[in-house]
Amino acid sequence: MDFNTGGGSGRPEDHSRPLYGGEASGSPQRPAASGGGEFNLQDPVGSFVRTVQSVVLNPVGFFRSIARQGDFINPAIFALICALISALLSGILGLIFAPLLASPGDTGEAFAGGIGGFIVNLILTPIYAAIGLLIGAGILHLLVLLFVRPANAGFEATFRVVSYSWVYQLISWIPVIGWIVGPIYGVVLLIFGVREVHATITGKAALVVLIPVAVILLIAFILAALIGAALFFGSQQQQF
């Protein structure tokens, strides 16, 4: 598994990086619909497996070699498949545990409700995933423009990084372990991806990725504190 840091934060920005992946050469390369081990709808199953293997086993090499332009569809569909697999597996777990957690007389009702929620979740997942993908890539690229500036390879390159980083969702459905390890692994992949496709240093890539993460955690902390305070004062008023 290659987690080569490429020189860490001391690595200078490389403006000679090829725009579409591969090694720099004297002749320009055309945008490719899918470079290296990327997902391709012409071979959905085989290319999906190969892409997952490449991202997981060699993330630095994968992001270094992918095309920077030429195709939004294939990366987006890869991300949506990862989200659907996660929703499917988490839904199956929910169907298994819902009757076990219900009271003896409510087992059938709990199972029926679980099936309904499972179907609705599968229908809504692609919609939510597509919206989240666009918003996430947009926010990330604004920070790329702010910190990486002219060295960046464009919005599509950021979109592709976000899309392929969603491979973490293949483990995010696992209770407790996946909920913690999955997002952390996704953040690591984003840092590698931003660094490689935009030819910047690790420090700037980490800054681009970690600022939104810090904002999300801060908002979650504030909401949790407000909910906790509301519950506390509500219980105090009931006592009086």
C-alpha atoms as a PDB file:
ATOM      1  CA  MET A   1       0.000   0.000   0.000  1.00  0.00           C
ATOM      2  CA  ASP A   2       1.591   3.233  -1.166  1.00  0.00           C
ATOM      3  CA  PHE A   3       1.097   6.227   1.108  1.00  0.00           C
ATOM      4  CA  ASN A   4       4.156   8.020  -0.250  1.00  0.00           C
ATOM      5  CA  THR A   5       3.934  11.636   0.831  1.00  0.00           C
ATOM      6  CA  GLY A   6       5.903  12.888  -2.120  1.00  0.00           C
ATOM      7  CA  GLY A   7       8.245  14.958  -0.023  1.00  0.00           C
ATOM      8  CA  GLY A   8       5.748  16.239   2.533  1.00  0.00           C
ATOM      9  CA  SER A   9       5.163  19.920   3.165  1.00  0.00           C
ATOM     10  CA  GLY A  10       8.612  20.789   1.887  1.00  0.00           C
ATOM     11  CA  ARG A  11       7.799  19.727  -1.653  1.00  0.00           C
ATOM     12  CA  PRO A  12       7.645  22.644  -4.089  1.00  0.00           C
ATOM     13  CA  GLU A  13       4.623  23.126  -6.291  1.00  0.00           C
ATOM     14  CA  ASP A  14       5.245  21.402  -9.612  1.00  0.00           C
ATOM     15  CA  HIS A  15       3.840  23.471 -12.470  1.00  0.00           C
ATOM     16  CA  SER A  16       5.217  20.999 -15.010  1.00  0.00           C
ATOM     17  CA  ARG A  17       2.832  18.243 -13.897  1.00  0.00           C
ATOM     18  CA  PRO A  18       0.884  16.804 -16.854  1.00  0.00           C
ATOM     19  CA  LEU A  19      -2.689  18.088 -16.930  1.00  0.00           C
ATOM     20  CA  TYR A  20      -4.304  14.824 -17.916  1.00  0.00           C
ATOM     21  CA  GLY A  21      -2.248  12.313 -15.959  1.00  0.00           C
ATOM     22  CA  GLY A  22       0.769  10.272 -16.949  1.00  0.00           C
ATOM     23  CA  GLU A  23       4.281  11.575 -17.377  1.00  0.00           C
ATOM     24  CA  ALA A  24       5.097  14.945 -18.837  1.00  0.00           C
ATOM     25  CA  SER A  25       6.324  14.792 -22.406  1.00  0.00           C
ATOM     26  CA  GLY A  26       7.082  17.044 -25.320  1.00  0.00           C
ATOM     27  CA  SER A  27       3.709  16.480 -26.967  1.00  0.00           C
ATOM     28  CA  PRO A  28       0.428  17.519 -25.328  1.00  0.00           C
ATOM     29  CA  GLN A  29      -1.999  14.837 -24.291  1.00  0.00           C
ATOM     30  CA  ARG A  30      -5.704  14.972 -25.040  1.00  0.00           C
ATOM     31  CA  PRO A  31      -8.284  14.779 -22.239  1.00  0.00           C
ATOM     32  CA  ALA A  32      -9.262  11.194 -21.626  1.00  0.00           C
ATOM     33  CA  ALA A  33     -12.663   9.986 -20.494  1.00  0.00           C
ATOM     34  CA  SER A  34     -10.942   7.664 -18.071  1.00  0.00           C
ATOM     35  CA  GLY A  35      -7.240   7.456 -17.350  1.00  0.00           C
ATOM     36  CA  GLY A  36      -5.194   4.766 -15.692  1.00  0.00           C
ATOM     37  CA  GLY A  37      -7.285   2.636 -13.382  1.00  0.00           C
ATOM     38  CA  GLU A  38     -10.315   4.930 -13.370  1.00  0.00           C
ATOM     39  CA  PHE A  39     -13.931   3.805 -13.420  1.00  0.00           C
ATOM     40  CA  ASN A  40     -15.430   3.444 -16.890  1.00  0.00           C
ATOM     41  CA  LEU A  41     -19.064   2.751 -17.757  1.00  0.00           C
ATOM     42  CA  GLN A  42     -17.961   0.641 -20.708  1.00  0.00           C
ATOM     43  CA  ASP A  43     -16.730  -1.928 -18.163  1.00  0.00           C
ATOM     44  CA  PRO A  44     -18.718  -1.065 -15.018  1.00  0.00           C
ATOM     45  CA  VAL A  45     -17.981  -4.094 -12.851  1.00  0.00           C
ATOM     46  CA  GLY A  46     -14.358  -4.717 -13.794  1.00  0.00           C
ATOM     47  CA  SER A  47     -13.328  -1.060 -13.790  1.00  0.00           C
ATOM     48  CA  PHE A  48     -15.138  -0.465 -10.475  1.00  0.00           C
ATOM     49  CA  VAL A  49     -13.172  -3.262  -8.812  1.00  0.00           C
ATOM     50  CA  ARG A  50      -9.896  -2.066 -10.333  1.00  0.00           C
ATOM     51  CA  THR A  51     -10.560   1.531  -9.295  1.00  0.00           C
ATOM     52  CA  VAL A  52     -11.342   0.522  -5.714  1.00  0.00           C
ATOM     53  CA  GLN A  53      -8.137  -1.526  -5.584  1.00  0.00           C
ATOM     54  CA  SER A  54      -6.078   1.348  -7.009  1.00  0.00           C
ATOM     55  CA  VAL A  55      -7.492   3.981  -4.649  1.00  0.00           C
ATOM     56  CA  VAL A  56      -7.143   1.753  -1.579  1.00  0.00           C
ATOM     57  CA  LEU A  57      -3.762   0.155  -2.318  1.00  0.00           C
ATOM     58  CA  ASN A  58      -1.985   3.006  -4.092  1.00  0.00           C
ATOM     59  CA  PRO A  59      -3.853   6.302  -3.535  1.00  0.00           C
ATOM     60  CA  VAL A  60      -0.883   8.551  -4.323  1.00  0.00           C
ATOM     61  CA  GLY A  61      -0.136   6.804  -7.607  1.00  0.00           C
ATOM     62  CA  PHE A  62      -3.827   6.703  -8.516  1.00  0.00           C
ATOM     63  CA  PHE A  63      -4.458  10.421  -8.019  1.00  0.00           C
ATOM     64  CA  ARG A  64      -1.162  11.286  -9.678  1.00  0.00           C
ATOM     65  CA  SER A  65      -2.140   9.424 -12.847  1.00  0.00           C
ATOM     66  CA  ILE A  66      -5.843  10.252 -13.269  1.00  0.00           C
ATOM     67  CA  ALA A  67      -7.105  12.628 -15.943  1.00  0.00           C
ATOM     68  CA  ARG A  68      -7.652  16.200 -14.776  1.00  0.00           C
ATOM     69  CA  GLN A  69     -10.284  17.006 -17.415  1.00  0.00           C
ATOM     70  CA  GLY A  70     -12.558  15.356 -19.921  1.00  0.00           C
ATOM     71  CA  ASP A  71     -15.278  13.565 -17.965  1.00  0.00           C
ATOM     72  CA  PHE A  72     -17.581  14.335 -15.029  1.00  0.00           C
ATOM     73  CA  ILE A  73     -19.909  11.368 -15.513  1.00  0.00           C
ATOM     74  CA  ASN A  74     -17.698   8.360 -14.771  1.00  0.00           C
ATOM     75  CA  PRO A  75     -16.235   9.709 -11.494  1.00  0.00           C
ATOM     76  CA  ALA A  76     -19.690  10.857 -10.360  1.00  0.00           C
ATOM     77  CA  ILE A  77     -21.240   7.458 -11.059  1.00  0.00           C
ATOM     78  CA  PHE A  78     -18.393   5.765  -9.192  1.00  0.00           C
ATOM     79  CA  ALA A  79     -19.178   7.914  -6.140  1.00  0.00           C
ATOM     80  CA  LEU A  80     -22.917   7.216  -6.429  1.00  0.00           C
ATOM     81  CA  ILE A  81     -22.277   3.458  -6.610  1.00  0.00           C
ATOM     82  CA  CYS A  82     -20.178   3.649  -3.435  1.00  0.00           C
ATOM     83  CA  ALA A  83     -22.972   5.602  -1.708  1.00  0.00           C
ATOM     84  CA  LEU A  84     -25.616   3.108  -2.870  1.00  0.00           C
ATOM     85  CA  ILE A  85     -23.574   0.126  -1.671  1.00  0.00           C
ATOM     86  CA  SER A  86     -23.202   1.793   1.718  1.00  0.00           C
ATOM     87  CA  ALA A  87     -26.947   2.558   1.881  1.00  0.00           C
ATOM     88  CA  LEU A  88     -27.809  -1.001   0.810  1.00  0.00           C
ATOM     89  CA  LEU A  89     -25.583  -2.681   3.412  1.00  0.00           C
ATOM     90  CA  SER A  90     -26.568  -0.326   6.236  1.00  0.00           C
ATOM     91  CA  GLY A  91     -30.231  -0.860   5.302  1.00  0.00           C
ATOM     92  CA  ILE A  92     -29.821  -4.638   5.458  1.00  0.00           C
ATOM     93  CA  LEU A  93     -28.259  -4.286   8.906  1.00  0.00           C
ATOM     94  CA  GLY A  94     -31.202  -2.136   9.929  1.00  0.00           C
ATOM     95  CA  LEU A  95     -33.669  -4.789   8.737  1.00  0.00           C
ATOM     96  CA  ILE A  96     -31.809  -7.433  10.727  1.00  0.00           C
ATOM     97  CA  PHE A  97     -31.617  -5.486  13.978  1.00  0.00           C
ATOM     98  CA  ALA A  98     -34.968  -3.633  13.896  1.00  0.00           C
ATOM     99  CA  PRO A  99     -37.077  -6.693  14.904  1.00  0.00           C
ATOM    100  CA  LEU A 100     -34.496  -7.671  17.545  1.00  0.00           C
ATOM    101  CA  LEU A 101     -34.712  -4.263  19.185  1.00  0.00           C
ATOM    102  CA  ALA A 102     -38.523  -4.094  19.026  1.00  0.00           C
ATOM    103  CA  SER A 103     -40.793  -5.321  21.787  1.00  0.00           C
ATOM    104  CA  PRO A 104     -42.229  -8.860  21.286  1.00  0.00           C
ATOM    105  CA  GLY A 105     -45.608  -7.651  20.054  1.00  0.00           C
ATOM    106  CA  ASP A 106     -44.189  -5.084  17.641  1.00  0.00           C
ATOM    107  CA  THR A 107     -41.756  -7.297  15.707  1.00  0.00           C
ATOM    108  CA  GLY A 108     -43.833  -7.479  12.509  1.00  0.00           C
ATOM    109  CA  GLU A 109     -44.592  -3.760  12.553  1.00  0.00           C
ATOM    110  CA  ALA A 110     -40.935  -2.905  13.127  1.00  0.00           C
ATOM    111  CA  PHE A 111     -39.877  -5.133  10.217  1.00  0.00           C
ATOM    112  CA  ALA A 112     -42.485  -3.599   7.880  1.00  0.00           C
ATOM    113  CA  GLY A 113     -41.436  -0.102   8.876  1.00  0.00           C
ATOM    114  CA  GLY A 114     -37.812  -1.062   8.321  1.00  0.00           C
ATOM    115  CA  ILE A 115     -38.548  -2.251   4.777  1.00  0.00           C
ATOM    116  CA  GLY A 116     -40.353   1.001   3.979  1.00  0.00           C
ATOM    117  CA  GLY A 117     -37.484   3.085   5.307  1.00  0.00           C
ATOM    118  CA  PHE A 118     -34.985   0.889   3.457  1.00  0.00           C
ATOM    119  CA  ILE A 119     -36.715   1.422   0.088  1.00  0.00           C
ATOM    120  CA  VAL A 120     -37.094   5.180   0.612  1.00  0.00           C
ATOM    121  CA  ASN A 121     -33.442   5.448   1.615  1.00  0.00           C
ATOM    122  CA  LEU A 122     -32.297   3.626  -1.534  1.00  0.00           C
ATOM    123  CA  ILE A 123     -34.399   5.959  -3.703  1.00  0.00           C
ATOM    124  CA  LEU A 124     -33.187   9.156  -2.014  1.00  0.00           C
ATOM    125  CA  THR A 125     -29.515   8.174  -1.665  1.00  0.00           C
ATOM    126  CA  PRO A 126     -28.510   8.987  -5.281  1.00  0.00           C
ATOM    127  CA  ILE A 127     -30.218  12.388  -5.031  1.00  0.00           C
ATOM    128  CA  TYR A 128     -28.584  13.294  -1.733  1.00  0.00           C
ATOM    129  CA  ALA A 129     -25.249  11.905  -2.924  1.00  0.00           C
ATOM    130  CA  ALA A 130     -25.287  13.946  -6.141  1.00  0.00           C
ATOM    131  CA  ILE A 131     -26.109  17.130  -4.233  1.00  0.00           C
ATOM    132  CA  GLY A 132     -23.458  16.398  -1.608  1.00  0.00           C
ATOM    133  CA  LEU A 133     -20.879  15.648  -4.296  1.00  0.00           C
ATOM    134  CA  LEU A 134     -21.419  18.975  -6.051  1.00  0.00           C
ATOM    135  CA  ILE A 135     -21.525  21.014  -2.850  1.00  0.00           C
ATOM    136  CA  GLY A 136     -18.487  19.248  -1.392  1.00  0.00           C
ATOM    137  CA  ALA A 137     -16.441  19.685  -4.567  1.00  0.00           C
ATOM    138  CA  GLY A 138     -17.537  23.324  -4.843  1.00  0.00           C
ATOM    139  CA  ILE A 139     -16.511  24.193  -1.289  1.00  0.00           C
ATOM    140  CA  LEU A 140     -13.232  22.329  -1.648  1.00  0.00           C
ATOM    141  CA  HIS A 141     -12.390  24.057  -4.914  1.00  0.00           C
ATOM    142  CA  LEU A 142     -13.064  27.499  -3.460  1.00  0.00           C
ATOM    143  CA  LEU A 143     -10.384  26.714  -0.894  1.00  0.00           C
ATOM    144  CA  VAL A 144      -8.123  25.361  -3.654  1.00  0.00           C
ATOM    145  CA  LEU A 145      -8.486  28.712  -5.440  1.00  0.00           C
ATOM    146  CA  LEU A 146      -7.704  30.507  -2.191  1.00  0.00           C
ATOM    147  CA  PHE A 147      -4.626  28.520  -1.139  1.00  0.00           C
ATOM    148  CA  VAL A 148      -3.284  26.832  -4.283  1.00  0.00           C
ATOM    149  CA  ARG A 149      -4.218  29.681  -6.635  1.00  0.00           C
ATOM    150  CA  PRO A 150      -2.834  29.559 -10.223  1.00  0.00           C
ATOM    151  CA  ALA A 151      -1.250  26.142  -9.713  1.00  0.00           C
ATOM    152  CA  ASN A 152      -4.641  24.426  -9.546  1.00  0.00           C
ATOM    153  CA  ALA A 153      -5.847  22.149 -12.350  1.00  0.00           C
ATOM    154  CA  GLY A 154      -9.454  23.396 -12.334  1.00  0.00           C
ATOM    155  CA  PHE A 155     -12.800  22.487 -10.763  1.00  0.00           C
ATOM    156  CA  GLU A 156     -13.152  19.195 -12.606  1.00  0.00           C
ATOM    157  CA  ALA A 157      -9.899  17.932 -11.111  1.00  0.00           C
ATOM    158  CA  THR A 158     -11.245  18.698  -7.611  1.00  0.00           C
ATOM    159  CA  PHE A 159     -14.558  17.051  -8.478  1.00  0.00           C
ATOM    160  CA  ARG A 160     -12.749  13.892  -9.570  1.00  0.00           C
ATOM    161  CA  VAL A 161     -10.767  13.792  -6.310  1.00  0.00           C
ATOM    162  CA  VAL A 162     -13.931  14.116  -4.225  1.00  0.00           C
ATOM    163  CA  SER A 163     -15.703  11.460  -6.320  1.00  0.00           C
ATOM    164  CA  TYR A 164     -12.973   8.843  -6.026  1.00  0.00           C
ATOM    165  CA  SER A 165     -12.416   9.632  -2.341  1.00  0.00           C
ATOM    166  CA  TRP A 166     -15.958   8.402  -1.726  1.00  0.00           C
ATOM    167  CA  VAL A 167     -14.529   4.889  -1.827  1.00  0.00           C
ATOM    168  CA  TYR A 168     -14.442   5.279   1.970  1.00  0.00           C
ATOM    169  CA  GLN A 169     -18.215   4.743   1.954  1.00  0.00           C
ATOM    170  CA  LEU A 170     -17.619   1.073   1.224  1.00  0.00           C
ATOM    171  CA  ILE A 171     -16.656   0.694   4.913  1.00  0.00           C
ATOM    172  CA  SER A 172     -18.669   3.556   6.436  1.00  0.00           C
ATOM    173  CA  TRP A 173     -21.739   1.321   6.888  1.00  0.00           C
ATOM    174  CA  ILE A 174     -19.925  -0.898   9.433  1.00  0.00           C
ATOM    175  CA  PRO A 175     -21.267  -0.016  12.912  1.00  0.00           C
ATOM    176  CA  VAL A 176     -18.929   2.020  15.140  1.00  0.00           C
ATOM    177  CA  ILE A 177     -15.657   1.106  13.380  1.00  0.00           C
ATOM    178  CA  GLY A 178     -16.817   2.231   9.941  1.00  0.00           C
ATOM    179  CA  TRP A 179     -18.441   5.365  11.337  1.00  0.00           C
ATOM    180  CA  ILE A 180     -15.074   6.472  12.737  1.00  0.00           C
ATOM    181  CA  VAL A 181     -12.482   4.978  10.375  1.00  0.00           C
ATOM    182  CA  GLY A 182     -14.427   5.663   7.163  1.00  0.00           C
ATOM    183  CA  PRO A 183     -14.579   9.474   7.371  1.00  0.00           C
ATOM    184  CA  ILE A 184     -10.971   9.684   8.604  1.00  0.00           C
ATOM    185  CA  TYR A 185      -9.825   7.590   5.662  1.00  0.00           C
ATOM    186  CA  GLY A 186     -11.874   9.772   3.335  1.00  0.00           C
ATOM    187  CA  VAL A 187     -10.099  12.882   4.649  1.00  0.00           C
ATOM    188  CA  VAL A 188      -6.695  11.253   4.093  1.00  0.00           C
ATOM    189  CA  LEU A 189      -7.654  10.379   0.506  1.00  0.00           C
ATOM    190  CA  LEU A 190      -8.815  13.941  -0.125  1.00  0.00           C
ATOM    191  CA  ILE A 191      -5.495  15.331   1.087  1.00  0.00           C
ATOM    192  CA  PHE A 192      -3.544  12.973  -1.186  1.00  0.00           C
ATOM    193  CA  GLY A 193      -5.865  13.737  -4.093  1.00  0.00           C
ATOM    194  CA  VAL A 194      -5.777  17.526  -3.781  1.00  0.00           C
ATOM    195  CA  ARG A 195      -2.012  17.456  -3.433  1.00  0.00           C
ATOM    196  CA  GLU A 196      -1.454  15.275  -6.478  1.00  0.00           C
ATOM    197  CA  VAL A 197      -3.970  16.630  -9.006  1.00  0.00           C
ATOM    198  CA  HIS A 198      -3.234  20.281  -8.173  1.00  0.00           C
ATOM    199  CA  ALA A 199       0.542  19.718  -7.895  1.00  0.00           C
ATOM    200  CA  THR A 200       0.787  21.445  -4.535  1.00  0.00           C
ATOM    201  CA  ILE A 201       2.440  20.658  -1.202  1.00  0.00           C
ATOM    202  CA  THR A 202       1.013  18.465   1.552  1.00  0.00           C
ATOM    203  CA  GLY A 203       0.543  21.396   3.944  1.00  0.00           C
ATOM    204  CA  LYS A 204      -1.652  23.360   1.540  1.00  0.00           C
ATOM    205  CA  ALA A 205      -3.636  20.264   0.587  1.00  0.00           C
ATOM    206  CA  ALA A 206      -4.257  19.480   4.263  1.00  0.00           C
ATOM    207  CA  LEU A 207      -5.362  23.073   4.853  1.00  0.00           C
ATOM    208  CA  VAL A 208      -7.833  22.893   1.961  1.00  0.00           C
ATOM    209  CA  VAL A 209      -9.359  19.650   3.258  1.00  0.00           C
ATOM    210  CA  LEU A 210      -9.255  20.223   7.015  1.00  0.00           C
ATOM    211  CA  ILE A 211     -10.866  23.687   7.084  1.00  0.00           C
ATOM    212  CA  PRO A 212     -14.321  22.356   6.000  1.00  0.00           C
ATOM    213  CA  VAL A 213     -13.902  19.393   8.370  1.00  0.00           C
ATOM    214  CA  ALA A 214     -13.172  21.762  11.268  1.00  0.00           C
ATOM    215  CA  VAL A 215     -16.196  23.913  10.388  1.00  0.00           C
ATOM    216  CA  ILE A 216     -18.482  20.857  10.247  1.00  0.00           C
ATOM    217  CA  LEU A 217     -17.189  19.591  13.606  1.00  0.00           C
ATOM    218  CA  LEU A 218     -17.662  23.034  15.153  1.00  0.00           C
ATOM    219  CA  ILE A 219     -21.252  23.255  13.896  1.00  0.00           C
ATOM    220  CA  ALA A 220     -21.963  19.742  15.170  1.00  0.00           C
ATOM    221  CA  PHE A 221     -20.515  20.640  18.579  1.00  0.00           C
ATOM    222  CA  ILE A 222     -22.609  23.808  18.802  1.00  0.00           C
ATOM    223  CA  LEU A 223     -25.797  21.953  17.812  1.00  0.00           C
ATOM    224  CA  ALA A 224     -25.079  19.201  20.348  1.00  0.00           C
ATOM    225  CA  ALA A 225     -24.475  21.811  23.044  1.00  0.00           C
ATOM    226  CA  LEU A 226     -27.728  23.632  22.190  1.00  0.00           C
ATOM    227  CA  ILE A 227     -29.741  20.400  22.190  1.00  0.00           C
ATOM    228  CA  GLY A 228     -28.153  19.324  25.466  1.00  0.00           C
ATOM    229  CA  ALA A 229     -28.903  22.703  27.043  1.00  0.00           C
ATOM    230  CA  ALA A 230     -32.518  22.590  25.826  1.00  0.00           C
ATOM    231  CA  LEU A 231     -33.008  19.096  27.271  1.00  0.00           C
ATOM    232  CA  PHE A 232     -31.407  20.096  30.562  1.00  0.00           C
ATOM    233  CA  PHE A 233     -33.519  23.230  31.050  1.00  0.00           C
ATOM    234  CA  GLY A 234     -36.615  21.334  29.924  1.00  0.00           C
ATOM    235  CA  SER A 235     -36.057  18.674  32.607  1.00  0.00           C
ATOM    236  CA  GLN A 236     -35.418  21.378  35.209  1.00  0.00           C
ATOM    237  CA  GLN A 237     -38.713  23.077  34.409  1.00  0.00           C
ATOM    238  CA  GLN A 238     -40.590  19.776  34.681  1.00  0.00           C
ATOM    239  CA  GLN A 239     -39.215  19.281  38.177  1.00  0.00           C
ATOM    240  CA  PHE A 240     -40.723  22.583  39.247  1.00  0.00           C
END
